[in-house]
Amino acid sequence: MLIVDRYQCLIFSFYREEPEVTALLDSLRTCKFERRWEAIRVQCLSKDHLEDVLKIIPYIVKPFGLLGLCQKIILSAPKRKKLTYMVEKTCYSDLIS
C-alpha cells in the first residue's frame, strides 16, 4: 500500500503538469516529512538517498515558498549532519489578480 504524506502530496501536486519534473521527484516517495515550528524536516533513508534528494532541493523549496508554509527545510539521514535550506516567501503578481 502506498502512503503519501501531505507534504509529498503538495510537492507532487504542484508539479502535476510537468511529467519530467515529477520523474525527477521520484526519490521523495520514500522520504518521511515532518513539520516542526517553521521548518519542514525531510528524513532520508541513507546517505545515497540524501544525495539524490539534494539534487532536487530547488523543486522542493519552490512550493513551500509560494505558499509560505515554512522558513526552512531541513534534510537529514542516519549518521549524517543535518542540512538546512532557507525558504524565501515568494509572491508573483500574476497569481494575485
Protein backbone atom coordinates (compact mmCIF):
# COMPACT_ATOMS: atom_id res chain seq x y z
CA MET A 1 0.00 0.00 0.00
CA LEU A 2 1.34 3.42 -0.95
CA ILE A 3 1.07 6.00 1.81
CA VAL A 4 1.57 9.57 0.66
CA ASP A 5 2.42 12.27 3.15
CA ARG A 6 0.53 15.56 2.80
CA TYR A 7 3.77 17.43 2.10
CA GLN A 8 4.73 14.92 -0.57
CA CYS A 9 1.25 15.35 -2.00
CA LEU A 10 1.77 19.13 -2.03
CA ILE A 11 5.02 18.83 -3.98
CA PHE A 12 3.72 16.29 -6.49
CA SER A 13 0.50 18.26 -6.98
CA PHE A 14 2.49 21.44 -7.59
CA TYR A 15 4.36 19.77 -10.47
CA ARG A 16 1.49 17.57 -11.73
CA GLU A 17 1.54 19.10 -15.21
CA GLU A 18 5.29 18.71 -15.60
CA PRO A 19 5.95 14.96 -16.07
CA GLU A 20 9.72 15.42 -16.47
CA VAL A 21 9.90 17.14 -13.06
CA THR A 22 7.62 14.54 -11.48
CA ALA A 23 10.02 11.85 -12.67
CA LEU A 24 12.93 13.70 -11.03
CA LEU A 25 11.00 13.88 -7.75
CA ASP A 26 10.58 10.11 -7.52
CA SER A 27 13.20 9.81 -4.75
CA LEU A 28 10.89 11.86 -2.47
CA ARG A 29 8.40 8.98 -2.31
CA THR A 30 10.50 7.19 0.31
CA CYS A 31 11.24 10.27 2.44
CA LYS A 32 9.47 10.99 5.69
CA PHE A 33 8.23 14.57 6.08
CA GLU A 34 7.62 16.25 9.42
CA ARG A 35 6.72 19.82 10.33
CA ARG A 36 8.38 21.45 13.34
CA TRP A 37 7.57 25.07 14.08
CA GLU A 38 8.65 26.98 10.99
CA ALA A 39 10.60 24.10 9.44
CA ILE A 40 9.83 21.07 7.31
CA ARG A 41 12.08 18.12 8.11
CA VAL A 42 12.77 15.67 5.33
CA GLN A 43 14.21 12.41 6.60
CA CYS A 44 16.05 10.35 4.01
CA LEU A 45 16.79 6.62 4.23
CA SER A 46 20.55 6.75 3.69
CA LYS A 47 23.50 8.88 2.65
CA ASP A 48 22.96 7.95 -1.02
CA HIS A 49 19.27 8.75 -0.78
CA LEU A 50 20.12 12.13 0.76
CA GLU A 51 22.46 12.88 -2.16
CA ASP A 52 19.62 12.12 -4.60
CA VAL A 53 17.29 14.47 -2.72
CA LEU A 54 19.95 17.21 -2.66
CA LYS A 55 19.86 17.30 -6.47
CA ILE A 56 16.18 18.26 -6.44
CA ILE A 57 16.12 20.70 -3.50
CA PRO A 58 15.08 23.69 -5.69
CA TYR A 59 11.95 21.76 -6.70
CA ILE A 60 11.17 21.06 -3.04
CA VAL A 61 11.68 24.66 -1.86
CA LYS A 62 9.54 26.37 -4.50
CA PRO A 63 6.02 25.20 -3.49
CA PHE A 64 6.70 25.85 0.20
CA GLY A 65 7.95 29.35 -0.61
CA LEU A 66 4.91 30.21 -2.70
CA LEU A 67 2.51 29.03 0.00
CA GLY A 68 4.56 30.44 2.89
CA LEU A 69 4.36 27.18 4.83
CA CYS A 70 7.84 27.25 6.35
CA GLN A 71 11.00 29.27 6.72
CA LYS A 72 13.45 26.43 6.23
CA ILE A 73 13.74 22.85 5.04
CA ILE A 74 15.98 20.51 6.99
CA LEU A 75 17.33 17.40 5.27
CA SER A 76 18.63 14.55 7.38
CA ALA A 77 19.83 10.97 7.03
CA PRO A 78 21.21 8.43 9.50
CA LYS A 79 24.77 9.25 10.62
CA ARG A 80 24.85 12.46 8.61
CA LYS A 81 24.80 16.13 9.56
CA LYS A 82 21.51 17.92 9.06
CA LEU A 83 21.44 20.25 6.08
CA THR A 84 19.31 23.39 6.27
CA TYR A 85 17.91 25.34 3.33
CA MET A 86 16.17 28.65 3.84
CA VAL A 87 12.83 29.16 2.11
CA GLU A 88 12.01 32.62 0.82
CA LYS A 89 8.36 33.54 0.76
CA THR A 90 7.73 34.50 -2.83
CA CYS A 91 4.78 36.21 -4.38
CA TYR A 92 4.14 36.50 -8.07
CA SER A 93 1.89 39.36 -9.08
CA ASP A 94 0.23 37.28 -11.80
CA LEU A 95 -1.05 34.86 -9.12
CA ILE A 96 -2.73 37.61 -7.12
CA SER A 97 -5.04 39.06 -9.77
